[in-house]
Amino acid sequence: MGQDPGLRRLALGTLLAAYPGPVPPDWAVDLLADGLAGHTLFGTNIHDPAQVAASTAALRAGRPDVIVAIDEEGGDVTRLAHATGSPYPGNAALGTVDDPALTREVYAAIGAELAALGVTLDLAPTVDVNTADENPVIGTRSFGADPKRVAVHSAAAVAGLQSTGVAACAKHFPGHGATVADSHHELPTVDVPPAVLRERDLPPFAAVVDAGVRAVMTAHIRVPALTGDGPATFSRAVLHDLLRVEYGFTGAVVTDALEMKGAVLAAGGVGTGAVRALAAGADLLCIGARVDAELVESVAAEIVAAIGDGRLARERVEEA
């Protein structure tokens, strides 16, 4: 028995893929026509503005409402200016200056540049409260260590970015700022009670939800009090009970890259990780940077199989 094409399209609609090189290969465009949600652009996809605009136009030919995502945070994390360094100050500098109007202005400038290139979703701002001095993955990507200051600047960044028509994606829920391990390589643990999270890590997320942020990205971190042994990305207590119900978020829940060790080690593979993230309440699954047609098809097939064998409710995937 062949795969149900309706289910395949449904599964593809939850996936954010990627492709190598400056020109989208045929498979990357063909999968969009088959229902793939979109692609994330990385440094390898970027040569110059005209080339990026041509690439996003090619993607829109496959799917007019394609999601074209990018990590453009200013400061140390840039894709557009990966060869030269970002012309925009990063969050640590903006938090130090502590002028929310400037933060809004910087993010509006980033958004205007992205909108002109056909990018629709910026995987920014980082709204983590950086309370661990030796944090290897957040650091200067954070507006600082004071939850109130981070909250004010996070809301300003979202307002600036979304004023240009580009959707913002605040990250990494429920807070990656207190970790001393890098979730690209392992599964970090934040072993604190929920009350500490609410006081220290979650105020910026409350602020961006109030500011109308369109998307929130999950963290591949373990918070034993909420997630047990697994990461937040696979935790219904975090994605549904905390983010949706308690904080009232109604936008898209986006996973951090499922190829990262923090997710893969917990799930056993990208496909099983996709199923677990969807079941927990994620809507859009970032596969990662190293993606080909075979990987996309295998992840979609795993989602379809999970609907078939009852691990995943079809209604949950339709909702996503």
Protein backbone atom coordinates (compact mmCIF):
# COMPACT_ATOMS: atom_id res chain seq x y z
CA MET A 1 0.00 0.00 0.00
CA GLY A 2 1.43 3.40 -1.01
CA GLN A 3 1.59 6.46 1.17
CA ASP A 4 -1.57 8.57 1.38
CA PRO A 5 -0.72 11.71 -0.67
CA GLY A 6 -3.04 13.80 1.51
CA LEU A 7 -1.19 12.73 4.64
CA ARG A 8 2.19 13.33 2.98
CA ARG A 9 1.14 16.89 2.10
CA LEU A 10 -0.12 17.40 5.65
CA ALA A 11 3.19 16.17 7.10
CA LEU A 12 5.28 18.28 4.71
CA GLY A 13 3.30 21.32 5.81
CA THR A 14 4.90 21.12 9.26
CA LEU A 15 8.50 21.08 8.00
CA LEU A 16 11.03 23.86 7.54
CA ALA A 17 13.82 22.45 5.40
CA ALA A 18 17.03 23.92 3.95
CA TYR A 19 19.14 23.38 0.84
CA PRO A 20 22.81 23.71 -0.07
CA GLY A 21 24.30 26.50 -2.18
CA PRO A 22 23.16 29.84 -3.60
CA VAL A 23 20.54 28.48 -6.04
CA PRO A 24 17.57 26.43 -4.82
CA PRO A 25 17.84 22.94 -6.37
CA ASP A 26 14.82 21.51 -8.18
CA TRP A 27 13.90 19.23 -5.27
CA ALA A 28 13.73 22.20 -2.88
CA VAL A 29 11.17 23.94 -5.12
CA ASP A 30 9.28 20.76 -6.07
CA LEU A 31 8.73 19.84 -2.42
CA LEU A 32 7.20 23.28 -1.81
CA ALA A 33 4.65 22.54 -4.54
CA ASP A 34 3.96 19.24 -2.73
CA GLY A 35 3.17 21.06 0.51
CA LEU A 36 6.53 21.71 2.25
CA ALA A 37 6.11 24.74 4.55
CA GLY A 38 9.38 26.45 3.67
CA HIS A 39 13.14 26.70 3.91
CA THR A 40 15.64 28.34 6.26
CA LEU A 41 18.47 30.28 4.62
CA PHE A 42 22.00 29.80 5.97
CA GLY A 43 25.32 31.44 5.11
CA THR A 44 25.94 28.93 2.29
CA ASN A 45 22.78 30.22 0.58
CA ILE A 46 23.89 33.86 0.66
CA HIS A 47 26.17 35.57 -1.89
CA ASP A 48 24.67 39.01 -2.47
CA PRO A 49 21.27 40.73 -2.20
CA ALA A 50 20.28 40.23 -5.85
CA GLN A 51 21.05 36.52 -5.63
CA VAL A 52 19.06 36.13 -2.39
CA ALA A 53 16.07 37.95 -3.90
CA ALA A 54 16.25 35.65 -6.95
CA SER A 55 16.36 32.60 -4.67
CA THR A 56 13.31 33.63 -2.65
CA ALA A 57 11.44 34.41 -5.89
CA ALA A 58 12.24 30.88 -7.10
CA LEU A 59 10.91 29.46 -3.83
CA ARG A 60 7.70 31.51 -4.12
CA ALA A 61 7.20 30.03 -7.60
CA GLY A 62 6.96 26.63 -5.89
CA ARG A 63 4.64 27.88 -3.15
CA PRO A 64 3.37 31.49 -3.11
CA ASP A 65 2.96 31.48 0.69
CA VAL A 66 6.33 29.81 1.35
CA ILE A 67 7.96 30.50 4.70
CA VAL A 68 11.48 31.81 4.06
CA ALA A 69 13.27 31.89 7.41
CA ILE A 70 16.70 33.15 8.47
CA ASP A 71 18.73 33.66 11.66
CA GLU A 72 19.42 37.39 11.51
CA GLU A 73 19.98 38.58 15.07
CA GLY A 74 22.47 41.41 14.56
CA GLY A 75 25.83 41.22 16.33
CA ASP A 76 27.49 37.80 16.22
CA VAL A 77 24.67 35.87 14.54
CA THR A 78 24.16 36.91 10.94
CA ARG A 79 23.58 35.05 7.69
CA LEU A 80 23.29 37.98 5.29
CA ALA A 81 26.66 39.40 6.40
CA HIS A 82 28.36 36.12 7.32
CA ALA A 83 31.41 37.03 5.24
CA THR A 84 31.89 40.54 6.66
CA GLY A 85 30.11 40.68 10.03
CA SER A 86 26.76 42.27 10.80
CA PRO A 87 26.40 46.05 10.41
CA TYR A 88 23.85 45.95 13.24
CA PRO A 89 24.66 45.95 16.97
CA GLY A 90 23.89 42.73 18.81
CA ASN A 91 21.54 42.34 21.74
CA ALA A 92 24.25 42.65 24.41
CA ALA A 93 25.21 46.09 23.07
CA LEU A 94 21.57 47.16 22.80
CA GLY A 95 20.85 45.99 26.34
CA THR A 96 23.87 47.89 27.65
CA VAL A 97 22.82 51.12 25.90
CA ASP A 98 19.33 50.43 27.29
CA ASP A 99 17.35 52.58 24.85
CA PRO A 100 14.28 50.56 23.79
CA ALA A 101 13.57 53.02 20.96
CA LEU A 102 17.02 52.26 19.51
CA THR A 103 16.39 48.51 19.83
CA ARG A 104 13.13 48.91 17.94
CA GLU A 105 14.89 50.99 15.27
CA VAL A 106 17.69 48.44 14.79
CA TYR A 107 15.25 45.55 14.43
CA ALA A 108 13.08 47.59 12.05
CA ALA A 109 16.18 48.13 9.89
CA ILE A 110 16.94 44.40 9.94
CA GLY A 111 13.31 43.66 9.06
CA ALA A 112 13.28 46.13 6.17
CA GLU A 113 16.38 44.49 4.71
CA LEU A 114 14.87 41.02 5.06
CA ALA A 115 11.50 42.07 3.61
CA ALA A 116 13.22 43.54 0.55
CA LEU A 117 14.91 40.17 -0.04
CA GLY A 118 11.71 38.13 0.28
CA VAL A 119 12.41 36.70 3.75
CA THR A 120 9.20 36.23 5.76
CA LEU A 121 10.37 34.90 9.16
CA ASP A 122 13.35 36.05 11.21
CA LEU A 123 14.38 33.50 13.83
CA ALA A 124 15.02 36.37 16.25
CA PRO A 125 15.15 37.99 18.72
CA THR A 126 16.97 35.92 21.31
CA VAL A 127 15.06 36.78 24.49
CA ASP A 128 16.96 34.47 26.86
CA VAL A 129 18.08 36.07 30.14
CA ASN A 130 21.81 35.34 30.25
CA THR A 131 22.37 34.52 33.92
CA ALA A 132 25.21 32.01 33.41
CA ASP A 133 28.51 33.83 32.80
CA GLU A 134 30.02 30.76 31.14
CA ASN A 135 27.01 30.16 28.85
CA PRO A 136 28.60 28.87 25.61
CA VAL A 137 25.62 29.38 23.30
CA ILE A 138 23.73 32.54 24.37
CA GLY A 139 26.17 35.07 25.89
CA THR A 140 26.19 38.29 23.86
CA ARG A 141 23.09 37.14 21.95
CA SER A 142 21.12 38.13 25.07
CA PHE A 143 19.99 41.63 26.05
CA GLY A 144 21.47 40.94 29.49
CA ALA A 145 21.01 39.31 32.89
CA ASP A 146 18.13 41.45 34.23
CA PRO A 147 14.73 39.90 33.36
CA LYS A 148 12.93 43.27 33.33
CA ARG A 149 15.46 44.89 30.99
CA VAL A 150 15.49 41.85 28.70
CA ALA A 151 11.67 41.89 28.63
CA VAL A 152 11.48 45.56 27.59
CA HIS A 153 14.05 45.16 24.81
CA SER A 154 12.56 41.87 23.62
CA ALA A 155 9.18 43.53 23.14
CA ALA A 156 10.82 46.49 21.35
CA ALA A 157 12.72 44.14 19.02
CA VAL A 158 9.54 42.25 18.12
CA ALA A 159 7.66 45.49 17.47
CA GLY A 160 10.43 46.81 15.23
CA LEU A 161 10.85 43.63 13.24
CA GLN A 162 7.14 42.99 12.73
CA SER A 163 6.48 46.61 11.73
CA THR A 164 8.15 45.66 8.42
CA GLY A 165 5.87 42.69 7.75
CA VAL A 166 8.52 40.13 8.71
CA ALA A 167 7.41 37.72 11.44
CA ALA A 168 9.56 37.55 14.58
CA CYS A 169 10.36 34.31 16.40
CA ALA A 170 11.38 34.80 20.05
CA LYS A 171 13.75 32.14 21.38
CA HIS A 172 14.53 29.80 23.16
CA PHE A 173 11.47 28.85 25.29
CA PRO A 174 11.39 28.40 28.28
CA GLY A 175 14.83 30.07 28.56
CA HIS A 176 18.34 28.99 27.51
CA GLY A 177 20.13 31.73 29.47
CA ALA A 178 21.05 29.74 32.58
CA THR A 179 22.72 26.84 30.75
CA VAL A 180 26.44 26.04 30.80
CA ALA A 181 26.21 23.46 28.01
CA ASP A 182 25.55 23.93 24.27
CA SER A 183 22.42 22.18 22.97
CA HIS A 184 24.07 21.88 19.55
CA HIS A 185 26.29 19.22 21.15
CA GLU A 186 24.42 17.85 24.20
CA LEU A 187 21.23 18.22 26.22
CA PRO A 188 21.73 20.99 28.82
CA THR A 189 19.87 20.88 32.12
CA VAL A 190 18.30 23.80 34.00
CA ASP A 191 17.44 22.21 37.34
CA VAL A 192 15.29 24.85 39.01
CA PRO A 193 11.67 24.89 40.20
CA PRO A 194 9.05 26.49 37.91
CA ALA A 195 8.82 29.46 40.31
CA VAL A 196 12.42 30.42 39.46
CA LEU A 197 11.71 30.15 35.73
CA ARG A 198 8.67 32.41 36.12
CA GLU A 199 10.70 35.03 37.94
CA ARG A 200 13.99 34.82 36.01
CA ASP A 201 13.55 33.30 32.54
CA LEU A 202 9.94 33.77 31.51
CA PRO A 203 9.24 37.54 31.84
CA PRO A 204 10.68 38.29 28.36
CA PHE A 205 8.41 35.63 26.84
CA ALA A 206 5.39 37.17 28.57
CA ALA A 207 6.47 40.54 27.14
CA VAL A 208 6.79 39.29 23.55
CA VAL A 209 3.45 37.47 23.73
CA ASP A 210 1.90 40.78 24.85
CA ALA A 211 3.71 42.48 21.94
CA GLY A 212 2.04 40.09 19.49
CA VAL A 213 5.05 37.99 18.51
CA ARG A 214 4.10 35.69 15.63
CA ALA A 215 6.31 32.73 16.62
CA VAL A 216 8.22 31.29 19.57
CA MET A 217 11.14 28.86 19.24
CA THR A 218 11.61 25.95 21.62
CA ALA A 219 14.79 25.14 23.54
CA HIS A 220 16.50 21.76 23.50
CA ILE A 221 17.04 21.99 27.26
CA ARG A 222 15.94 19.74 30.08
CA VAL A 223 14.02 21.34 32.94
CA PRO A 224 13.40 18.29 35.15
CA ALA A 225 10.56 19.94 37.10
CA LEU A 226 8.63 20.40 33.84
CA THR A 227 10.11 18.15 31.16
CA GLY A 228 11.33 15.10 33.07
CA ASP A 229 14.31 13.55 31.29
CA GLY A 230 13.55 14.97 27.83
CA PRO A 231 14.01 18.43 26.27
CA ALA A 232 11.43 21.21 26.34
CA THR A 233 10.96 20.73 22.58
CA PHE A 234 9.27 17.38 23.32
CA SER A 235 7.35 18.50 26.42
CA ARG A 236 3.61 19.11 26.29
CA ALA A 237 3.85 20.60 29.79
CA VAL A 238 6.12 23.32 28.36
CA LEU A 239 4.69 23.91 24.87
CA HIS A 240 0.99 23.52 25.65
CA ASP A 241 0.39 23.98 29.37
CA LEU A 242 2.96 26.73 29.97
CA LEU A 243 3.24 28.59 26.65
CA ARG A 244 -0.27 28.20 25.26
CA VAL A 245 -2.45 28.01 28.36
CA GLU A 246 -0.59 29.97 31.05
CA TYR A 247 1.01 32.61 28.80
CA GLY A 248 -1.80 32.76 26.25
CA PHE A 249 0.39 32.41 23.16
CA THR A 250 -1.63 31.85 19.96
CA GLY A 251 1.09 32.03 17.27
CA ALA A 252 3.33 29.35 15.78
CA VAL A 253 5.53 27.17 18.00
CA VAL A 254 8.76 26.55 16.06
CA THR A 255 11.36 23.98 17.09
CA ASP A 256 15.05 24.67 17.23
CA ALA A 257 16.87 22.50 14.68
CA LEU A 258 15.96 18.85 15.20
CA GLU A 259 19.39 17.74 13.94
CA MET A 260 20.98 19.29 17.05
CA LYS A 261 22.38 16.81 19.55
CA GLY A 262 20.11 18.14 22.31
CA ALA A 263 17.14 16.81 20.32
CA VAL A 264 18.62 13.85 18.44
CA LEU A 265 20.12 12.24 21.54
CA ALA A 266 16.74 12.39 23.28
CA ALA A 267 14.67 11.21 20.31
CA GLY A 268 17.01 8.79 18.55
CA GLY A 269 16.66 10.52 15.17
CA VAL A 270 15.25 13.53 13.34
CA GLY A 271 12.08 11.71 12.25
CA THR A 272 11.18 10.45 15.71
CA GLY A 273 12.06 13.89 17.07
CA ALA A 274 9.61 15.47 14.63
CA VAL A 275 6.83 13.17 15.83
CA ARG A 276 7.55 13.88 19.49
CA ALA A 277 7.70 17.66 18.91
CA LEU A 278 4.37 17.66 17.06
CA ALA A 279 2.75 15.55 19.77
CA ALA A 280 4.02 18.03 22.39
CA GLY A 281 2.45 20.97 20.57
CA ALA A 282 5.03 22.26 18.06
CA ASP A 283 3.68 23.58 14.75
CA LEU A 284 6.71 24.15 12.55
CA LEU A 285 9.71 21.84 12.69
CA CYS A 286 13.17 23.13 11.76
CA ILE A 287 14.98 20.09 10.43
CA GLY A 288 18.38 21.82 10.42
CA ALA A 289 21.03 23.05 8.00
CA ARG A 290 22.18 19.78 6.41
CA VAL A 291 19.07 18.77 4.51
CA ASP A 292 18.38 16.94 1.25
CA ALA A 293 15.21 15.61 -0.39
CA GLU A 294 15.76 12.16 1.10
CA LEU A 295 15.84 13.52 4.66
CA VAL A 296 12.69 15.61 4.12
CA GLU A 297 10.85 12.60 2.69
CA SER A 298 12.00 10.35 5.54
CA VAL A 299 10.82 12.82 8.20
CA ALA A 300 7.47 13.27 6.43
CA ALA A 301 7.12 9.47 6.16
CA GLU A 302 7.81 9.11 9.90
CA ILE A 303 5.04 11.64 10.67
CA VAL A 304 2.62 9.81 8.34
CA ALA A 305 3.51 6.47 9.97
CA ALA A 306 2.94 7.97 13.42
CA ILE A 307 -0.53 9.15 12.39
CA GLY A 308 -1.20 5.64 11.07
CA ASP A 309 -0.10 3.80 14.21
CA GLY A 310 -1.66 6.20 16.70
CA ARG A 311 1.48 7.85 18.11
CA LEU A 312 0.25 11.15 16.67
CA ALA A 313 -3.30 12.41 16.22
CA ARG A 314 -4.12 13.60 12.71
CA GLU A 315 -6.01 16.52 14.29
CA ARG A 316 -2.81 17.69 16.02
CA VAL A 317 -0.96 17.76 12.67
CA GLU A 318 -3.85 19.57 10.99
CA GLU A 319 -3.80 22.11 13.83
CA ALA A 320 -0.05 22.59 13.34
